């Protein structure tokens, strides 16, 4: 009795059932985890390796890895002149060497050790009350500028 055809058919049947199950399973959004020392910013690729992060000029390292929202590697030239919210890491020389383009759900997540929004640190500078002179404060109690 020849059992070879049965041995070849069994793996094919198993593959059919496994792919049918994978197609019916509900896809959930996959939020990536990022390193603790990753920073968040708005990236614009000007002309690789020249970039701007939060409107400040910067550079990409020669071995930069850029991952898009689907977590696939992309070349920096494909992102030219697009404003993207990203998480990034720097190498030892200070150049940007890892970049993750964020999805809208990932961009809503608060980064540990970072302020609430991208520009909240700028807003907090202007929220501090300004010292005013009411005309009744003695001269020696007025606020002084550091020299």
N, C-alpha and C. Protein backbone atom coordinates (compact mmCIF):
# COMPACT_ATOMS: atom_id res chain seq x y z
N UNK A 1 0.84 -1.17 0.00
CA UNK A 1 0.00 0.00 0.00
C UNK A 1 0.89 1.24 0.00
N UNK A 2 0.61 2.17 -0.87
CA UNK A 2 1.42 3.37 -1.02
C UNK A 2 0.84 4.51 -0.18
N UNK A 3 1.59 4.99 0.82
CA UNK A 3 1.09 6.05 1.73
C UNK A 3 1.61 7.43 1.37
N UNK A 4 2.40 7.57 0.37
CA UNK A 4 2.97 8.87 0.01
C UNK A 4 1.93 9.92 -0.33
N UNK A 5 0.91 9.62 -1.11
CA UNK A 5 -0.09 10.67 -1.40
C UNK A 5 -0.78 11.18 -0.14
N UNK A 6 -1.06 10.31 0.81
CA UNK A 6 -1.72 10.74 2.04
C UNK A 6 -0.81 11.65 2.85
N UNK A 7 0.49 11.36 2.87
CA UNK A 7 1.43 12.18 3.62
C UNK A 7 1.60 13.57 2.98
N UNK A 8 1.42 13.68 1.68
CA UNK A 8 1.52 14.97 1.00
C UNK A 8 0.24 15.80 1.15
N UNK A 9 -0.89 15.13 1.26
CA UNK A 9 -2.17 15.83 1.34
C UNK A 9 -2.39 16.42 2.74
N UNK A 10 -1.95 15.74 3.78
CA UNK A 10 -2.19 16.21 5.15
C UNK A 10 -1.64 17.62 5.41
N UNK A 11 -0.39 17.95 5.03
CA UNK A 11 0.10 19.32 5.26
C UNK A 11 -0.69 20.37 4.46
N UNK A 12 -1.14 20.00 3.25
CA UNK A 12 -1.94 20.94 2.45
C UNK A 12 -3.27 21.24 3.11
N UNK A 13 -3.92 20.24 3.66
CA UNK A 13 -5.20 20.44 4.34
C UNK A 13 -4.99 21.29 5.59
N UNK A 14 -3.90 21.04 6.32
CA UNK A 14 -3.62 21.83 7.52
C UNK A 14 -3.38 23.29 7.16
N UNK A 15 -2.68 23.55 6.04
CA UNK A 15 -2.44 24.94 5.62
C UNK A 15 -3.74 25.63 5.25
N UNK A 16 -4.65 24.93 4.59
CA UNK A 16 -5.94 25.53 4.22
C UNK A 16 -6.73 25.95 5.45
N UNK A 17 -6.78 25.09 6.46
CA UNK A 17 -7.53 25.44 7.67
C UNK A 17 -6.87 26.57 8.44
N UNK A 18 -5.53 26.62 8.46
CA UNK A 18 -4.86 27.69 9.21
C UNK A 18 -5.03 29.04 8.52
N UNK A 19 -5.01 29.09 7.18
CA UNK A 19 -5.22 30.37 6.49
C UNK A 19 -6.66 30.82 6.60
N UNK A 20 -7.61 29.90 6.60
CA UNK A 20 -9.01 30.28 6.74
C UNK A 20 -9.25 30.88 8.12
N UNK A 21 -8.62 30.34 9.14
CA UNK A 21 -8.75 30.88 10.49
C UNK A 21 -8.12 32.26 10.59
N UNK A 22 -6.98 32.44 9.96
CA UNK A 22 -6.29 33.73 10.02
C UNK A 22 -7.08 34.82 9.31
N UNK A 23 -7.82 34.48 8.27
CA UNK A 23 -8.60 35.48 7.55
C UNK A 23 -9.84 35.90 8.31
N UNK A 24 -10.42 35.00 9.10
CA UNK A 24 -11.63 35.34 9.83
C UNK A 24 -11.34 36.01 11.16
N UNK A 25 -10.11 35.91 11.65
CA UNK A 25 -9.75 36.53 12.93
C UNK A 25 -9.75 38.04 12.80
N UNK A 26 -10.34 38.72 13.77
CA UNK A 26 -10.42 40.19 13.73
C UNK A 26 -9.05 40.80 13.95
N UNK A 27 -8.68 41.73 13.08
CA UNK A 27 -7.38 42.40 13.19
C UNK A 27 -7.48 43.53 14.21
N UNK A 28 -6.60 43.51 15.20
CA UNK A 28 -6.55 44.57 16.21
C UNK A 28 -5.38 45.49 15.90
N UNK A 29 -5.53 46.78 16.19
CA UNK A 29 -4.39 47.67 15.94
C UNK A 29 -3.23 47.28 16.84
N UNK A 30 -2.06 47.20 16.25
CA UNK A 30 -0.87 46.78 16.97
C UNK A 30 -0.06 48.02 17.33
N UNK A 31 -0.08 48.40 18.61
CA UNK A 31 0.71 49.53 19.07
C UNK A 31 2.12 49.04 19.38
N UNK A 32 3.08 49.70 18.79
CA UNK A 32 4.47 49.31 19.00
C UNK A 32 4.97 49.84 20.33
N UNK A 33 5.98 49.18 20.86
CA UNK A 33 6.65 49.68 22.06
C UNK A 33 7.97 50.30 21.60
N UNK A 34 8.32 51.41 22.23
CA UNK A 34 9.51 52.16 21.85
C UNK A 34 10.49 52.18 23.02
N UNK A 35 11.77 52.38 22.74
CA UNK A 35 12.76 52.45 23.83
C UNK A 35 12.45 53.60 24.79
N UNK A 36 12.90 53.45 26.02
CA UNK A 36 12.64 54.47 27.05
C UNK A 36 13.25 55.83 26.70
N UNK A 37 14.40 55.82 26.05
CA UNK A 37 15.07 57.07 25.75
C UNK A 37 14.68 57.66 24.39
N UNK A 38 13.64 57.11 23.76
CA UNK A 38 13.15 57.66 22.49
C UNK A 38 12.49 59.01 22.75
N UNK A 39 12.65 59.92 21.80
CA UNK A 39 12.06 61.26 21.90
C UNK A 39 11.03 61.41 20.81
N UNK A 40 10.08 62.30 21.01
CA UNK A 40 9.03 62.54 20.03
C UNK A 40 9.24 63.90 19.39
N UNK A 41 8.94 64.00 18.12
CA UNK A 41 9.08 65.26 17.42
C UNK A 41 8.38 65.23 16.08
N UNK A 42 8.43 66.37 15.41
CA UNK A 42 7.86 66.48 14.07
C UNK A 42 9.03 66.51 13.09
N UNK A 43 9.08 65.53 12.20
CA UNK A 43 10.19 65.35 11.28
C UNK A 43 9.81 65.81 9.88
N UNK A 44 10.73 66.54 9.26
CA UNK A 44 10.61 66.89 7.84
C UNK A 44 11.96 66.55 7.20
N UNK A 45 11.94 65.66 6.20
CA UNK A 45 13.16 65.32 5.47
C UNK A 45 13.32 66.37 4.38
N UNK A 46 14.35 67.19 4.50
CA UNK A 46 14.58 68.26 3.53
C UNK A 46 15.27 67.70 2.30
N UNK A 47 16.49 67.28 2.44
CA UNK A 47 17.26 66.63 1.39
C UNK A 47 18.22 65.71 2.12
N UNK A 48 17.92 64.42 2.10
CA UNK A 48 18.67 63.48 2.93
C UNK A 48 20.17 63.67 2.73
N UNK A 49 20.94 63.71 3.79
CA UNK A 49 20.65 63.43 5.19
C UNK A 49 20.20 64.65 5.99
N UNK A 50 19.92 65.77 5.36
CA UNK A 50 19.48 66.95 6.10
C UNK A 50 18.00 66.85 6.41
N UNK A 51 17.67 67.05 7.69
CA UNK A 51 16.29 66.98 8.15
C UNK A 51 16.02 68.16 9.08
N UNK A 52 14.77 68.31 9.46
CA UNK A 52 14.39 69.28 10.49
C UNK A 52 13.52 68.53 11.49
N UNK A 53 13.88 68.62 12.76
CA UNK A 53 13.06 68.06 13.83
C UNK A 53 12.57 69.22 14.67
N UNK A 54 11.26 69.34 14.76
CA UNK A 54 10.62 70.46 15.46
C UNK A 54 11.16 71.79 14.94
N UNK A 55 11.29 71.91 13.63
CA UNK A 55 11.73 73.11 12.91
C UNK A 55 13.18 73.50 13.19
N UNK A 56 13.97 72.58 13.74
CA UNK A 56 15.39 72.84 13.97
C UNK A 56 16.21 71.95 13.04
N UNK A 57 17.24 72.49 12.38
CA UNK A 57 18.02 71.66 11.45
C UNK A 57 18.75 70.53 12.18
N UNK A 58 18.79 69.37 11.53
CA UNK A 58 19.43 68.20 12.10
C UNK A 58 19.91 67.32 10.96
N UNK A 59 20.54 66.18 11.29
CA UNK A 59 21.04 65.27 10.25
C UNK A 59 20.73 63.83 10.61
N UNK A 60 20.56 63.01 9.58
CA UNK A 60 20.41 61.58 9.74
C UNK A 60 21.79 60.93 9.73
N UNK A 61 21.94 59.87 10.50
CA UNK A 61 23.21 59.14 10.49
C UNK A 61 23.30 58.32 9.20
N UNK A 62 24.51 57.91 8.81
CA UNK A 62 24.64 57.13 7.57
C UNK A 62 23.88 55.81 7.59
N UNK A 63 23.72 55.19 8.73
CA UNK A 63 23.02 53.90 8.82
C UNK A 63 21.64 54.03 9.41
N UNK A 64 20.93 55.10 9.11
CA UNK A 64 19.62 55.36 9.72
C UNK A 64 18.62 54.28 9.32
N UNK A 65 17.76 53.92 10.28
CA UNK A 65 16.66 52.99 10.03
C UNK A 65 15.36 53.76 10.27
N UNK A 66 14.59 53.90 9.21
CA UNK A 66 13.30 54.61 9.30
C UNK A 66 12.20 53.59 9.08
N UNK A 67 11.31 53.48 10.05
CA UNK A 67 10.17 52.56 9.94
C UNK A 67 8.90 53.38 9.79
N UNK A 68 8.06 52.99 8.83
CA UNK A 68 6.82 53.73 8.61
C UNK A 68 5.74 53.24 9.58
N UNK A 69 4.51 53.69 9.39
CA UNK A 69 3.42 53.35 10.30
C UNK A 69 3.10 51.86 10.27
N UNK A 70 3.46 51.17 9.19
CA UNK A 70 3.24 49.72 9.09
C UNK A 70 4.44 48.93 9.61
N UNK A 71 5.43 49.63 10.13
CA UNK A 71 6.65 49.06 10.72
C UNK A 71 7.56 48.43 9.67
N UNK A 72 7.48 48.91 8.43
CA UNK A 72 8.40 48.45 7.40
C UNK A 72 9.47 49.51 7.17
N UNK A 73 10.65 49.07 6.78
CA UNK A 73 11.75 50.01 6.54
C UNK A 73 11.48 50.81 5.26
N UNK A 74 11.71 52.11 5.33
CA UNK A 74 11.55 52.98 4.17
C UNK A 74 12.81 53.82 4.01
N UNK A 75 13.03 54.30 2.81
CA UNK A 75 14.16 55.17 2.53
C UNK A 75 13.79 56.61 2.84
N UNK A 76 14.76 57.39 3.25
CA UNK A 76 14.50 58.78 3.64
C UNK A 76 13.99 59.61 2.47
N UNK A 77 14.40 59.29 1.26
CA UNK A 77 13.96 60.05 0.09
C UNK A 77 12.47 59.95 -0.18
N UNK A 78 11.84 58.85 0.27
CA UNK A 78 10.40 58.70 0.05
C UNK A 78 9.58 59.59 0.98
N UNK A 79 10.21 60.15 2.00
CA UNK A 79 9.50 60.99 2.98
C UNK A 79 9.79 62.47 2.79
N UNK A 80 10.37 62.85 1.67
CA UNK A 80 10.77 64.24 1.46
C UNK A 80 9.60 65.20 1.55
N UNK A 81 9.83 66.31 2.27
CA UNK A 81 8.88 67.42 2.41
C UNK A 81 7.53 67.02 2.99
N UNK A 82 7.50 65.98 3.83
CA UNK A 82 6.28 65.60 4.54
C UNK A 82 6.48 65.90 6.03
N UNK A 83 5.47 66.45 6.66
CA UNK A 83 5.53 66.68 8.11
C UNK A 83 4.98 65.43 8.80
N UNK A 84 5.84 64.74 9.55
CA UNK A 84 5.47 63.48 10.17
C UNK A 84 5.75 63.53 11.66
N UNK A 85 4.84 63.02 12.46
CA UNK A 85 5.07 62.88 13.89
C UNK A 85 5.81 61.56 14.09
N UNK A 86 6.97 61.65 14.72
CA UNK A 86 7.84 60.48 14.85
C UNK A 86 8.38 60.34 16.26
N UNK A 87 8.83 59.14 16.58
CA UNK A 87 9.71 58.90 17.71
C UNK A 87 11.09 58.63 17.12
N UNK A 88 12.14 59.10 17.78
CA UNK A 88 13.47 58.93 17.21
C UNK A 88 14.50 58.73 18.31
N UNK A 89 15.62 58.13 17.91
CA UNK A 89 16.78 57.94 18.78
C UNK A 89 18.01 58.53 18.10
N UNK A 90 18.95 58.96 18.90
CA UNK A 90 20.22 59.48 18.39
C UNK A 90 21.34 58.48 18.68
N UNK A 91 22.39 58.53 17.87
CA UNK A 91 23.55 57.70 18.12
C UNK A 91 24.55 58.45 19.00
N UNK A 92 25.73 57.88 19.20
CA UNK A 92 26.74 58.48 20.09
C UNK A 92 27.25 59.83 19.59
N UNK A 93 27.18 60.05 18.29
CA UNK A 93 27.67 61.31 17.73
C UNK A 93 26.60 62.40 17.68
N UNK A 94 25.37 62.07 18.09
CA UNK A 94 24.30 63.05 18.11
C UNK A 94 23.43 63.06 16.86
N UNK A 95 23.73 62.18 15.90
CA UNK A 95 22.92 62.10 14.68
C UNK A 95 21.72 61.19 14.91
N UNK A 96 20.63 61.44 14.20
CA UNK A 96 19.41 60.63 14.31
C UNK A 96 19.65 59.32 13.59
N UNK A 97 19.52 58.18 14.31
CA UNK A 97 19.80 56.89 13.67
C UNK A 97 18.63 55.92 13.68
N UNK A 98 17.58 56.15 14.44
CA UNK A 98 16.38 55.32 14.43
C UNK A 98 15.17 56.23 14.42
N UNK A 99 14.25 55.99 13.49
CA UNK A 99 13.04 56.81 13.38
C UNK A 99 11.85 55.88 13.20
N UNK A 100 10.78 56.16 13.95
CA UNK A 100 9.53 55.44 13.80
C UNK A 100 8.45 56.45 13.47
N UNK A 101 7.85 56.34 12.28
CA UNK A 101 6.72 57.19 11.91
C UNK A 101 5.51 56.66 12.67
N UNK A 102 4.81 57.54 13.37
CA UNK A 102 3.73 57.12 14.27
C UNK A 102 2.38 57.10 13.56
N UNK A 103 1.55 56.15 13.98
CA UNK A 103 0.15 56.15 13.58
C UNK A 103 -0.59 57.16 14.45
N UNK A 104 -1.84 57.44 14.13
CA UNK A 104 -2.59 58.43 14.93
C UNK A 104 -2.79 57.93 16.36
N UNK A 105 -2.98 56.62 16.55
CA UNK A 105 -3.15 56.08 17.90
C UNK A 105 -1.85 56.19 18.70
N UNK A 106 -0.73 55.92 18.05
CA UNK A 106 0.56 56.01 18.75
C UNK A 106 0.91 57.46 19.07
N UNK A 107 0.52 58.37 18.20
CA UNK A 107 0.82 59.78 18.45
C UNK A 107 0.02 60.32 19.63
N UNK A 108 -1.13 59.73 19.92
CA UNK A 108 -1.95 60.17 21.05
C UNK A 108 -1.38 59.71 22.38
N UNK A 109 -0.57 58.65 22.36
CA UNK A 109 0.02 58.15 23.60
C UNK A 109 1.04 59.13 24.14
N UNK A 110 1.05 59.29 25.46
CA UNK A 110 2.02 60.18 26.09
C UNK A 110 3.34 59.44 26.25
N UNK A 111 4.42 60.11 25.88
CA UNK A 111 5.74 59.52 26.05
C UNK A 111 6.18 59.71 27.50
N UNK A 112 6.80 58.69 28.12
CA UNK A 112 7.28 58.87 29.49
C UNK A 112 8.38 59.92 29.54
N UNK A 113 8.25 60.85 30.48
CA UNK A 113 9.25 61.89 30.64
C UNK A 113 9.12 63.04 29.66
N UNK A 114 8.08 63.05 28.84
CA UNK A 114 7.88 64.11 27.86
C UNK A 114 6.62 64.88 28.23
N UNK A 115 6.53 66.15 27.85
CA UNK A 115 5.33 66.92 28.13
C UNK A 115 4.13 66.39 27.34
N UNK A 116 2.94 66.87 27.69
CA UNK A 116 1.69 66.39 27.09
C UNK A 116 1.68 66.48 25.57
N UNK A 117 1.94 67.67 25.02
CA UNK A 117 1.88 67.85 23.57
C UNK A 117 3.24 68.20 23.02
N UNK A 118 3.30 68.32 21.71
CA UNK A 118 4.58 68.64 21.08
C UNK A 118 5.08 70.02 21.51
N UNK A 119 4.18 70.98 21.63
CA UNK A 119 4.60 72.35 21.89
C UNK A 119 4.17 72.83 23.28
N UNK A 120 3.91 71.90 24.20
CA UNK A 120 3.46 72.31 25.52
C UNK A 120 4.57 73.02 26.30
N UNK A 121 5.84 72.69 26.03
CA UNK A 121 6.92 73.37 26.74
C UNK A 121 7.00 74.84 26.32
N UNK A 122 6.64 75.15 25.09
CA UNK A 122 6.64 76.55 24.64
C UNK A 122 5.50 77.30 25.31
N UNK A 123 4.33 76.65 25.39
CA UNK A 123 3.19 77.29 26.03
C UNK A 123 3.47 77.56 27.51
N UNK A 124 4.15 76.63 28.19
CA UNK A 124 4.40 76.81 29.62
C UNK A 124 5.34 78.00 29.87
N UNK A 125 6.18 78.36 28.90
CA UNK A 125 7.05 79.53 29.07
C UNK A 125 6.22 80.80 29.21
N UNK A 126 5.13 80.87 28.47
CA UNK A 126 4.33 82.08 28.47
C UNK A 126 3.24 82.06 29.54
N UNK A 127 3.03 80.90 30.19
CA UNK A 127 2.01 80.81 31.22
C UNK A 127 2.50 81.33 32.58
N UNK A 128 3.80 81.52 32.75
CA UNK A 128 4.31 81.99 34.03
C UNK A 128 3.92 83.46 34.23
N UNK A 129 3.44 83.80 35.41
CA UNK A 129 3.01 85.18 35.64
C UNK A 129 4.21 86.13 35.64
N UNK A 130 3.99 87.30 35.13
CA UNK A 130 5.03 88.32 35.07
C UNK A 130 4.96 89.16 36.34
N UNK A 131 6.12 89.43 36.95
CA UNK A 131 6.16 90.26 38.15
C UNK A 131 5.81 91.70 37.79
N UNK A 132 4.88 92.27 38.54
CA UNK A 132 4.49 93.67 38.30
C UNK A 132 4.73 94.48 39.56
N UNK A 133 4.94 95.74 39.36
CA UNK A 133 5.17 96.65 40.48
C UNK A 133 3.88 97.40 40.75
N UNK A 134 3.36 97.27 41.97
CA UNK A 134 2.12 97.96 42.32
C UNK A 134 2.38 99.37 42.87
N UNK A 135 3.64 99.74 42.97
CA UNK A 135 3.98 101.07 43.45
C UNK A 135 4.13 101.15 44.96
N UNK A 136 3.76 100.11 45.69
CA UNK A 136 3.83 100.11 47.15
C UNK A 136 4.96 99.23 47.68
N UNK A 137 5.60 98.44 46.81
CA UNK A 137 6.66 97.53 47.24
C UNK A 137 7.95 98.31 47.45
N UNK A 138 8.62 98.13 48.61
CA UNK A 138 9.89 98.80 48.84
C UNK A 138 10.93 98.33 47.82
N UNK A 139 11.87 99.22 47.52
CA UNK A 139 12.88 98.96 46.49
C UNK A 139 13.67 97.69 46.75
N UNK A 140 14.03 97.41 47.99
CA UNK A 140 14.87 96.25 48.30
C UNK A 140 14.09 94.93 48.20
N UNK A 141 12.76 94.96 48.04
CA UNK A 141 11.97 93.76 47.92
C UNK A 141 11.49 93.50 46.49
N UNK A 142 11.89 94.34 45.55
CA UNK A 142 11.52 94.14 44.16
C UNK A 142 12.28 92.96 43.57
N UNK A 143 11.70 92.24 42.59
CA UNK A 143 12.44 91.13 41.96
C UNK A 143 13.68 91.63 41.25
N UNK A 144 14.75 90.83 41.29
CA UNK A 144 16.01 91.23 40.68
C UNK A 144 16.35 90.28 39.55
N UNK A 145 17.02 90.80 38.56
CA UNK A 145 17.52 89.99 37.47
C UNK A 145 18.84 89.39 37.86
N UNK A 146 19.04 88.12 37.44
CA UNK A 146 20.32 87.46 37.74
C UNK A 146 21.38 88.06 36.84
N UNK A 147 22.56 88.25 37.41
CA UNK A 147 23.64 88.86 36.62
C UNK A 147 24.74 87.88 36.33
